[in-house]
Amino acid sequence: MGQFLITGGAGFIGSHVVLLLLEAGHRVVVLDNYANSSAHSLQRVLRISEHAGSGQLYIIEGDIRRSDHLEQAFNAFTASSITAVIHFAGLKAVGESVIDPLGYWDVNFCGSHQLLSAMRAHSCRTIVFSSSCTVYGTPHHVPITEADPIRPINPYGHSKAAVEQLLADVAASEAGWRIASLRYFNPVGAHPSGQIGEDPTGIPNNLFPFVGQVAVGRRTSLQVFGGTWDTPDGTCIRDYIHVMDLAEAHRAAFETLLAEEPQLLTLNLGTGKGYSVLDVIAAFEQVCGRSIPYQVVDRRFGDVAITFADPALAERRLGWRAQRGLKEMCLDAWAWQTANPNGYSS
């Protein structure tokens, strides 16, 4: 049994990872300020996990930029120290980052700096960091490998790349650090129970929750950002990965870090297959049994035509690969949306 600190653990990906850890019998402290998440997600996590494992959950409403909140989190389990940190807390919308770069650098980079300082002070040297494929910018070829150049083209991507560099510098400065930077592509879907899923505030920035909200009648029409990209149907192609596959990859990452010698591990997490926006709409229509109206609008600044991963290194190093396909992603996303038409406020 381990003791884990999960920053941003009430969010979409974080809540699914918290669930897996509790089901495995671990003790988990979540630090989240609920800026883009809901406290209800963790209450549902507790209900789902109560018969599956013997883990314990300690919840702190707080901010990673606050040293006193971090102190509270690291001291949550007074009898033993934190085994590892899984770091999700951060802002994550590309378009919003262009409008508010100062906010993104403050939360994503300065918050990570504060977290690492607290880790060092508490002699915790194991961290799994939630990075992003946006660090690659506009790829010159696909699939994208971990050896490809880091050339982000928006403030969100710049902030993620900067945290990766900070982690590398920390690892080089002091022995004993076990670090995994996981560059994942496009997380979608939901827990198969339909009880936890993606519930963004305001108009969704990501395709799947936008499609789901249109399908359930919460919004009238989907916006498709650009119809003249250099792709077979003119819409962007992305590598969508089921959130449960992603959660299992995080578990495999910290297990690998704890089992091996100190290291800096950087991995892509994706399926290795790309789907266009229109592919996703068609697949979702088949699952929900209704048409999804959409309109093509201008491209968003910072978007690129095609991105999908080469996940071979993750399979070799973690013994992990994505198991769930597009249909299962749509089925689970639709189960979440129909059970929660207004998200956690339903």
Foldseek 3Di string as FASTA:
>chain_A
DFEEEEEVLQAFLNVLLVLVCQLVAAEYEYEYQPPWGDPVSNVLSCVVRVPRHNYHYHYDNDALLDLVSLVCRQCVPVVDGHAEYEYDWADDFQQVCQVPVVRRLCRLPSSLVSNVVSCVVRVHQEYEYEAAPLQLFADPDPDDFPPHDRDHDGSNSVSRVVSLVVNVVVCVVDFDHAYEYEHEWAEFFHPQVLSGHHAGPDQDSDQLVNQLLQLLPVDVAAEFAFQCAPDPRRGAKTFYAYSNLVSVLVVLRRVLSVVDGHDYHYFYAGQRDIDGSVRLQVLLCVQSVHHHHYDYDHHRPRDYRYYDHDRVVSCVRRVGHGDDDSNNRSNRSNSNCVVCVNHPVD
